[in-house]
């Protein structure tokens, strides 16, 4: 099922922006240069693993590198892993995650005024773009620095003249891909640049990757754009974040 594929993807997504340690009980992801990124610094535990061994190993590892121990769970229902971690004193945050899958590819009817290309590096131009909105934070730039050289990771930029005004990434895993890092310069929003960007990514995927693409979105304005491009909501998954101070 598609939802199962998305859950599998989410459990492994951090591999593109982190160092990965494979364990019998799951995986540990970490990036000491980017400690503020929870997505880059967390573990996941298989539901049928030995939770006691996993918990001790994860806590010891993250504390050894001075990062808060953190575990993500992505499940359709309640997580036995999460229940165990709560019993061990972990704090938790639960979110009902809504992903949007492009089940019917469409091109948004909008004039193309930007020039797009694949970016093969992450430089000061990208940093300046992201810093236009403080909410993006330094962690977003550092995540791209780690991701850019990874296999099956694609970063695209949209240019107004010579100025980089928007970016988006695409990460492929088997027959499915995840759109991420969709960002438009704060002073350039409301001009339809996001729609042009999604059109470009749709065309790239159609011609080059031929995957089912999905993304996470919570901004109502962004969701309207994605729906115009044929994205449909796929709900029914819970994300748990558990951490130990």
C-alpha atoms as a PDB file:
ATOM      1  CA  UNK A   1       0.000   0.000   0.000  1.00  0.00           C
ATOM      2  CA  UNK A   2       1.052   3.582  -0.650  1.00  0.00           C
ATOM      3  CA  UNK A   3       0.816   4.527   3.016  1.00  0.00           C
ATOM      4  CA  UNK A   4       3.192   1.687   3.920  1.00  0.00           C
ATOM      5  CA  UNK A   5       5.670   2.972   1.323  1.00  0.00           C
ATOM      6  CA  UNK A   6       5.489   6.464   2.784  1.00  0.00           C
ATOM      7  CA  UNK A   7       6.045   5.164   6.316  1.00  0.00           C
ATOM      8  CA  UNK A   8       9.080   3.210   5.095  1.00  0.00           C
ATOM      9  CA  UNK A   9      10.377   6.302   3.294  1.00  0.00           C
ATOM     10  CA  UNK A  10       9.944   8.497   6.374  1.00  0.00           C
ATOM     11  CA  UNK A  11      11.785   6.003   8.565  1.00  0.00           C
ATOM     12  CA  UNK A  12      14.736   6.150   6.159  1.00  0.00           C
ATOM     13  CA  UNK A  13      14.500   9.746   4.927  1.00  0.00           C
ATOM     14  CA  UNK A  14      17.128  11.044   7.362  1.00  0.00           C
ATOM     15  CA  UNK A  15      19.802   9.026   5.561  1.00  0.00           C
ATOM     16  CA  UNK A  16      20.033  11.788   2.956  1.00  0.00           C
ATOM     17  CA  UNK A  17      21.053  14.447   5.491  1.00  0.00           C
ATOM     18  CA  UNK A  18      22.830  12.487   8.202  1.00  0.00           C
ATOM     19  CA  UNK A  19      25.460   9.910   8.965  1.00  0.00           C
ATOM     20  CA  UNK A  20      23.752   6.541   9.414  1.00  0.00           C
ATOM     21  CA  UNK A  21      24.611   3.801  11.887  1.00  0.00           C
ATOM     22  CA  UNK A  22      22.764   0.561  11.163  1.00  0.00           C
ATOM     23  CA  UNK A  23      21.777  -1.375  14.253  1.00  0.00           C
ATOM     24  CA  UNK A  24      20.023  -4.742  14.725  1.00  0.00           C
ATOM     25  CA  UNK A  25      17.164  -2.819  16.330  1.00  0.00           C
ATOM     26  CA  UNK A  26      16.923   0.013  13.776  1.00  0.00           C
ATOM     27  CA  UNK A  27      19.031   3.025  12.772  1.00  0.00           C
ATOM     28  CA  UNK A  28      20.789   5.976  14.383  1.00  0.00           C
ATOM     29  CA  UNK A  29      21.032   9.206  12.407  1.00  0.00           C
ATOM     30  CA  UNK A  30      23.322  12.028  13.430  1.00  0.00           C
ATOM     31  CA  UNK A  31      25.041  15.182  12.204  1.00  0.00           C
ATOM     32  CA  UNK A  32      27.167  16.840  14.871  1.00  0.00           C
ATOM     33  CA  UNK A  33      27.602  19.931  12.696  1.00  0.00           C
ATOM     34  CA  UNK A  34      23.831  20.475  12.716  1.00  0.00           C
ATOM     35  CA  UNK A  35      22.647  19.783  16.281  1.00  0.00           C
ATOM     36  CA  UNK A  36      19.527  21.971  15.937  1.00  0.00           C
ATOM     37  CA  UNK A  37      18.068  19.710  13.240  1.00  0.00           C
ATOM     38  CA  UNK A  38      15.955  17.041  14.916  1.00  0.00           C
ATOM     39  CA  UNK A  39      15.425  15.381  11.534  1.00  0.00           C
ATOM     40  CA  UNK A  40      19.204  14.949  11.252  1.00  0.00           C
ATOM     41  CA  UNK A  41      19.671  13.682  14.805  1.00  0.00           C
ATOM     42  CA  UNK A  42      17.291  10.934  15.819  1.00  0.00           C
ATOM     43  CA  UNK A  43      16.940   7.174  15.857  1.00  0.00           C
ATOM     44  CA  UNK A  44      14.193   4.798  14.870  1.00  0.00           C
ATOM     45  CA  UNK A  45      13.473   1.419  16.385  1.00  0.00           C
ATOM     46  CA  UNK A  46      11.756  -1.521  14.715  1.00  0.00           C
ATOM     47  CA  UNK A  47       8.492  -2.436  16.405  1.00  0.00           C
ATOM     48  CA  UNK A  48       9.698  -6.033  16.924  1.00  0.00           C
ATOM     49  CA  UNK A  49      13.118  -5.046  18.334  1.00  0.00           C
ATOM     50  CA  UNK A  50      14.517  -5.452  21.829  1.00  0.00           C
ATOM     51  CA  UNK A  51      13.478  -2.059  23.186  1.00  0.00           C
ATOM     52  CA  UNK A  52      15.608  -2.258  26.326  1.00  0.00           C
ATOM     53  CA  UNK A  53      18.832  -2.767  24.403  1.00  0.00           C
ATOM     54  CA  UNK A  54      17.877  -0.177  21.807  1.00  0.00           C
ATOM     55  CA  UNK A  55      16.979   2.480  24.353  1.00  0.00           C
ATOM     56  CA  UNK A  56      20.223   2.149  26.305  1.00  0.00           C
ATOM     57  CA  UNK A  57      22.348   2.154  23.164  1.00  0.00           C
ATOM     58  CA  UNK A  58      20.609   5.214  21.708  1.00  0.00           C
ATOM     59  CA  UNK A  59      20.820   7.233  24.926  1.00  0.00           C
ATOM     60  CA  UNK A  60      24.492   6.365  25.420  1.00  0.00           C
ATOM     61  CA  UNK A  61      25.365   7.272  21.831  1.00  0.00           C
ATOM     62  CA  UNK A  62      23.698  10.678  21.667  1.00  0.00           C
ATOM     63  CA  UNK A  63      24.943  11.689  25.094  1.00  0.00           C
ATOM     64  CA  UNK A  64      28.465  10.753  24.032  1.00  0.00           C
ATOM     65  CA  UNK A  65      28.267  13.372  21.269  1.00  0.00           C
ATOM     66  CA  UNK A  66      26.399  15.919  23.415  1.00  0.00           C
ATOM     67  CA  UNK A  67      23.103  15.711  21.504  1.00  0.00           C
ATOM     68  CA  UNK A  68      19.714  15.113  23.150  1.00  0.00           C
ATOM     69  CA  UNK A  69      18.617  11.471  22.654  1.00  0.00           C
ATOM     70  CA  UNK A  70      15.631  11.475  20.305  1.00  0.00           C
ATOM     71  CA  UNK A  71      13.525   8.764  18.636  1.00  0.00           C
ATOM     72  CA  UNK A  72      10.964   9.152  15.849  1.00  0.00           C
ATOM     73  CA  UNK A  73       8.099   6.769  15.237  1.00  0.00           C
ATOM     74  CA  UNK A  74       5.946   6.688  12.090  1.00  0.00           C
ATOM     75  CA  UNK A  75       2.969   4.368  12.427  1.00  0.00           C
ATOM     76  CA  UNK A  76      -0.645   3.946  11.358  1.00  0.00           C
ATOM     77  CA  UNK A  77      -1.736   3.270  14.900  1.00  0.00           C
ATOM     78  CA  UNK A  78      -0.246   3.550  18.372  1.00  0.00           C
ATOM     79  CA  UNK A  79       3.412   2.619  18.660  1.00  0.00           C
ATOM     80  CA  UNK A  80       4.654   0.027  21.138  1.00  0.00           C
ATOM     81  CA  UNK A  81       8.078   1.663  20.829  1.00  0.00           C
ATOM     82  CA  UNK A  82       6.605   4.987  21.904  1.00  0.00           C
ATOM     83  CA  UNK A  83       4.811   3.450  24.868  1.00  0.00           C
ATOM     84  CA  UNK A  84       8.066   1.858  26.031  1.00  0.00           C
ATOM     85  CA  UNK A  85       9.985   5.133  25.719  1.00  0.00           C
ATOM     86  CA  UNK A  86       7.358   6.977  27.736  1.00  0.00           C
ATOM     87  CA  UNK A  87       7.812   4.403  30.460  1.00  0.00           C
ATOM     88  CA  UNK A  88      11.530   5.197  30.438  1.00  0.00           C
ATOM     89  CA  UNK A  89      10.919   8.877  31.073  1.00  0.00           C
ATOM     90  CA  UNK A  90      11.052  10.184  27.507  1.00  0.00           C
ATOM     91  CA  UNK A  91       8.966  13.248  26.744  1.00  0.00           C
ATOM     92  CA  UNK A  92       6.773  13.049  23.674  1.00  0.00           C
ATOM     93  CA  UNK A  93       5.145  15.097  20.954  1.00  0.00           C
ATOM     94  CA  UNK A  94       2.532  13.496  18.709  1.00  0.00           C
ATOM     95  CA  UNK A  95       1.440  14.841  15.336  1.00  0.00           C
ATOM     96  CA  UNK A  96      -1.148  13.541  12.903  1.00  0.00           C
ATOM     97  CA  UNK A  97       0.802  13.926   9.694  1.00  0.00           C
ATOM     98  CA  UNK A  98      -0.924  14.687   6.409  1.00  0.00           C
ATOM     99  CA  UNK A  99       1.038  13.965   3.282  1.00  0.00           C
ATOM    100  CA  UNK A 100       0.009  14.894  -0.225  1.00  0.00           C
ATOM    101  CA  UNK A 101       0.623  12.483  -3.094  1.00  0.00           C
ATOM    102  CA  UNK A 102       0.616  13.504  -6.746  1.00  0.00           C
ATOM    103  CA  UNK A 103      -1.801  10.854  -7.947  1.00  0.00           C
ATOM    104  CA  UNK A 104      -2.877  12.782 -11.047  1.00  0.00           C
ATOM    105  CA  UNK A 105      -0.026  14.865 -12.462  1.00  0.00           C
ATOM    106  CA  UNK A 106      -1.144  18.282 -13.640  1.00  0.00           C
ATOM    107  CA  UNK A 107       0.582  21.447 -14.731  1.00  0.00           C
ATOM    108  CA  UNK A 108      -0.630  24.633 -13.076  1.00  0.00           C
ATOM    109  CA  UNK A 109      -1.841  27.187 -15.603  1.00  0.00           C
ATOM    110  CA  UNK A 110       0.605  30.025 -14.989  1.00  0.00           C
ATOM    111  CA  UNK A 111       3.104  31.893 -17.201  1.00  0.00           C
ATOM    112  CA  UNK A 112       6.699  30.779 -16.781  1.00  0.00           C
ATOM    113  CA  UNK A 113       8.763  33.829 -15.883  1.00  0.00           C
ATOM    114  CA  UNK A 114      11.571  32.080 -14.023  1.00  0.00           C
ATOM    115  CA  UNK A 115      14.565  30.144 -15.285  1.00  0.00           C
ATOM    116  CA  UNK A 116      15.110  26.810 -13.536  1.00  0.00           C
ATOM    117  CA  UNK A 117      18.091  24.531 -13.259  1.00  0.00           C
ATOM    118  CA  UNK A 118      19.499  21.774 -11.096  1.00  0.00           C
ATOM    119  CA  UNK A 119      21.944  23.024  -8.486  1.00  0.00           C
ATOM    120  CA  UNK A 120      25.066  20.899  -8.046  1.00  0.00           C
ATOM    121  CA  UNK A 121      26.302  22.735  -5.000  1.00  0.00           C
ATOM    122  CA  UNK A 122      25.123  24.689  -1.970  1.00  0.00           C
ATOM    123  CA  UNK A 123      26.821  28.077  -1.807  1.00  0.00           C
ATOM    124  CA  UNK A 124      26.367  31.507  -0.253  1.00  0.00           C
ATOM    125  CA  UNK A 125      23.600  32.294  -2.748  1.00  0.00           C
ATOM    126  CA  UNK A 126      21.479  29.485  -1.269  1.00  0.00           C
ATOM    127  CA  UNK A 127      22.390  30.620   2.246  1.00  0.00           C
ATOM    128  CA  UNK A 128      21.274  34.185   1.458  1.00  0.00           C
ATOM    129  CA  UNK A 129      17.981  32.880   0.065  1.00  0.00           C
ATOM    130  CA  UNK A 130      17.207  30.816   3.161  1.00  0.00           C
ATOM    131  CA  UNK A 131      18.275  33.583   5.545  1.00  0.00           C
ATOM    132  CA  UNK A 132      15.587  35.867   4.082  1.00  0.00           C
ATOM    133  CA  UNK A 133      13.222  34.118   6.511  1.00  0.00           C
ATOM    134  CA  UNK A 134      14.609  33.603  10.046  1.00  0.00           C
ATOM    135  CA  UNK A 135      12.167  30.716  10.600  1.00  0.00           C
ATOM    136  CA  UNK A 136      14.124  28.609   8.128  1.00  0.00           C
ATOM    137  CA  UNK A 137      17.155  28.895  10.380  1.00  0.00           C
ATOM    138  CA  UNK A 138      20.728  27.822   9.941  1.00  0.00           C
ATOM    139  CA  UNK A 139      19.786  24.159  10.229  1.00  0.00           C
ATOM    140  CA  UNK A 140      18.059  24.174   6.824  1.00  0.00           C
ATOM    141  CA  UNK A 141      21.212  25.330   5.067  1.00  0.00           C
ATOM    142  CA  UNK A 142      23.356  22.781   6.898  1.00  0.00           C
ATOM    143  CA  UNK A 143      20.942  19.975   5.976  1.00  0.00           C
ATOM    144  CA  UNK A 144      21.307  20.874   2.294  1.00  0.00           C
ATOM    145  CA  UNK A 145      25.098  20.926   2.642  1.00  0.00           C
ATOM    146  CA  UNK A 146      24.978  17.324   3.861  1.00  0.00           C
ATOM    147  CA  UNK A 147      22.415  16.198   1.283  1.00  0.00           C
ATOM    148  CA  UNK A 148      23.727  17.705  -1.927  1.00  0.00           C
ATOM    149  CA  UNK A 149      26.240  14.970  -2.768  1.00  0.00           C
ATOM    150  CA  UNK A 150      23.982  12.050  -1.886  1.00  0.00           C
ATOM    151  CA  UNK A 151      22.832   9.647  -4.571  1.00  0.00           C
ATOM    152  CA  UNK A 152      19.286  10.264  -5.844  1.00  0.00           C
ATOM    153  CA  UNK A 153      19.094  13.731  -4.258  1.00  0.00           C
ATOM    154  CA  UNK A 154      18.190  16.618  -6.548  1.00  0.00           C
ATOM    155  CA  UNK A 155      18.181  20.317  -5.684  1.00  0.00           C
ATOM    156  CA  UNK A 156      16.539  22.801  -8.050  1.00  0.00           C
ATOM    157  CA  UNK A 157      16.706  26.584  -8.169  1.00  0.00           C
ATOM    158  CA  UNK A 158      14.481  29.181  -9.802  1.00  0.00           C
ATOM    159  CA  UNK A 159      16.032  32.442 -11.024  1.00  0.00           C
ATOM    160  CA  UNK A 160      14.510  35.857 -11.605  1.00  0.00           C
ATOM    161  CA  UNK A 161      17.164  37.271 -13.898  1.00  0.00           C
ATOM    162  CA  UNK A 162      20.369  36.389 -12.056  1.00  0.00           C
ATOM    163  CA  UNK A 163      18.796  36.225  -8.596  1.00  0.00           C
ATOM    164  CA  UNK A 164      17.993  32.875  -6.994  1.00  0.00           C
ATOM    165  CA  UNK A 165      14.442  33.335  -5.684  1.00  0.00           C
ATOM    166  CA  UNK A 166      13.225  29.807  -4.888  1.00  0.00           C
ATOM    167  CA  UNK A 167      14.453  26.258  -4.361  1.00  0.00           C
ATOM    168  CA  UNK A 168      13.072  22.760  -3.973  1.00  0.00           C
ATOM    169  CA  UNK A 169      14.608  19.342  -3.476  1.00  0.00           C
ATOM    170  CA  UNK A 170      13.568  15.882  -4.602  1.00  0.00           C
ATOM    171  CA  UNK A 171      14.842  12.665  -3.053  1.00  0.00           C
ATOM    172  CA  UNK A 172      14.175   9.355  -4.775  1.00  0.00           C
ATOM    173  CA  UNK A 173      13.911   5.971  -3.100  1.00  0.00           C
ATOM    174  CA  UNK A 174      12.921   3.090  -5.393  1.00  0.00           C
ATOM    175  CA  UNK A 175       9.661   4.050  -7.151  1.00  0.00           C
ATOM    176  CA  UNK A 176       8.706   6.912  -4.858  1.00  0.00           C
ATOM    177  CA  UNK A 177      10.193  10.359  -4.266  1.00  0.00           C
ATOM    178  CA  UNK A 178       9.751  13.053  -1.642  1.00  0.00           C
ATOM    179  CA  UNK A 179       9.641  16.767  -2.399  1.00  0.00           C
ATOM    180  CA  UNK A 180      11.226  18.839   0.345  1.00  0.00           C
ATOM    181  CA  UNK A 181      12.936  22.191   1.012  1.00  0.00           C
ATOM    182  CA  UNK A 182      10.306  24.126  -0.968  1.00  0.00           C
ATOM    183  CA  UNK A 183      11.251  27.714  -0.236  1.00  0.00           C
ATOM    184  CA  UNK A 184      10.690  31.103  -1.865  1.00  0.00           C
ATOM    185  CA  UNK A 185      12.549  34.274  -0.905  1.00  0.00           C
ATOM    186  CA  UNK A 186      10.446  36.053   1.695  1.00  0.00           C
ATOM    187  CA  UNK A 187      10.258  39.250  -0.375  1.00  0.00           C
ATOM    188  CA  UNK A 188       9.277  37.349  -3.546  1.00  0.00           C
ATOM    189  CA  UNK A 189       6.268  35.453  -2.257  1.00  0.00           C
ATOM    190  CA  UNK A 190       2.818  35.886  -3.747  1.00  0.00           C
ATOM    191  CA  UNK A 191       4.104  36.101  -7.328  1.00  0.00           C
ATOM    192  CA  UNK A 192       3.355  32.530  -8.385  1.00  0.00           C
ATOM    193  CA  UNK A 193       6.970  31.404  -8.161  1.00  0.00           C
ATOM    194  CA  UNK A 194       6.016  28.378  -6.069  1.00  0.00           C
ATOM    195  CA  UNK A 195       3.569  27.249  -8.759  1.00  0.00           C
ATOM    196  CA  UNK A 196       6.222  27.590 -11.457  1.00  0.00           C
ATOM    197  CA  UNK A 197       8.637  25.627  -9.289  1.00  0.00           C
ATOM    198  CA  UNK A 198       6.170  22.771  -8.771  1.00  0.00           C
ATOM    199  CA  UNK A 199       5.539  22.677 -12.535  1.00  0.00           C
ATOM    200  CA  UNK A 200       9.268  22.321 -13.123  1.00  0.00           C
ATOM    201  CA  UNK A 201       9.645  19.535 -10.548  1.00  0.00           C
ATOM    202  CA  UNK A 202       6.606  17.724 -11.987  1.00  0.00           C
ATOM    203  CA  UNK A 203       8.103  17.854 -15.476  1.00  0.00           C
ATOM    204  CA  UNK A 204      11.505  16.666 -14.226  1.00  0.00           C
ATOM    205  CA  UNK A 205       9.938  13.744 -12.399  1.00  0.00           C
ATOM    206  CA  UNK A 206       7.780  12.874 -15.416  1.00  0.00           C
ATOM    207  CA  UNK A 207      10.706  12.830 -17.842  1.00  0.00           C
ATOM    208  CA  UNK A 208      13.605  11.626 -15.700  1.00  0.00           C
ATOM    209  CA  UNK A 209      12.502   9.695 -12.609  1.00  0.00           C
ATOM    210  CA  UNK A 210       8.960   8.503 -13.316  1.00  0.00           C
ATOM    211  CA  UNK A 211       8.204   8.097  -9.622  1.00  0.00           C
ATOM    212  CA  UNK A 212       5.178   8.740  -7.441  1.00  0.00           C
ATOM    213  CA  UNK A 213       6.023  11.967  -5.615  1.00  0.00           C
ATOM    214  CA  UNK A 214       4.727  13.069  -2.251  1.00  0.00           C
ATOM    215  CA  UNK A 215       5.318  15.866   0.224  1.00  0.00           C
ATOM    216  CA  UNK A 216       4.343  17.099   3.646  1.00  0.00           C
ATOM    217  CA  UNK A 217       2.500  20.413   3.841  1.00  0.00           C
ATOM    218  CA  UNK A 218       0.650  22.357   6.521  1.00  0.00           C
ATOM    219  CA  UNK A 219       0.522  25.882   5.053  1.00  0.00           C
ATOM    220  CA  UNK A 220      -2.972  26.442   3.561  1.00  0.00           C
ATOM    221  CA  UNK A 221      -1.648  28.587   0.701  1.00  0.00           C
ATOM    222  CA  UNK A 222       0.953  25.981  -0.241  1.00  0.00           C
ATOM    223  CA  UNK A 223      -1.647  23.199  -0.071  1.00  0.00           C
ATOM    224  CA  UNK A 224      -3.823  25.081  -2.581  1.00  0.00           C
ATOM    225  CA  UNK A 225      -0.868  25.142  -5.006  1.00  0.00           C
ATOM    226  CA  UNK A 226      -0.144  21.445  -4.547  1.00  0.00           C
ATOM    227  CA  UNK A 227      -3.777  20.501  -5.139  1.00  0.00           C
ATOM    228  CA  UNK A 228      -3.712  22.404  -8.423  1.00  0.00           C
ATOM    229  CA  UNK A 229      -0.759  20.200  -9.424  1.00  0.00           C
ATOM    230  CA  UNK A 230      -2.760  17.014  -8.752  1.00  0.00           C
ATOM    231  CA  UNK A 231      -1.687  16.305  -5.183  1.00  0.00           C
ATOM    232  CA  UNK A 232      -4.243  14.550  -3.003  1.00  0.00           C
ATOM    233  CA  UNK A 233      -4.211  14.227   0.761  1.00  0.00           C
ATOM    234  CA  UNK A 234      -3.150  10.917   2.274  1.00  0.00           C
ATOM    235  CA  UNK A 235      -3.757  10.840   6.020  1.00  0.00           C
ATOM    236  CA  UNK A 236      -3.818   8.108   8.636  1.00  0.00           C
ATOM    237  CA  UNK A 237      -0.257   8.254   9.949  1.00  0.00           C
ATOM    238  CA  UNK A 238       1.034   9.406  13.311  1.00  0.00           C
ATOM    239  CA  UNK A 239       4.514  10.766  13.915  1.00  0.00           C
ATOM    240  CA  UNK A 240       5.843  10.503  17.416  1.00  0.00           C
ATOM    241  CA  UNK A 241       8.882  12.409  18.612  1.00  0.00           C
ATOM    242  CA  UNK A 242      10.366  11.182  21.886  1.00  0.00           C
ATOM    243  CA  UNK A 243      13.314  12.780  23.641  1.00  0.00           C
ATOM    244  CA  UNK A 244      15.170  12.498  26.925  1.00  0.00           C
ATOM    245  CA  UNK A 245      16.496  15.666  28.533  1.00  0.00           C
END
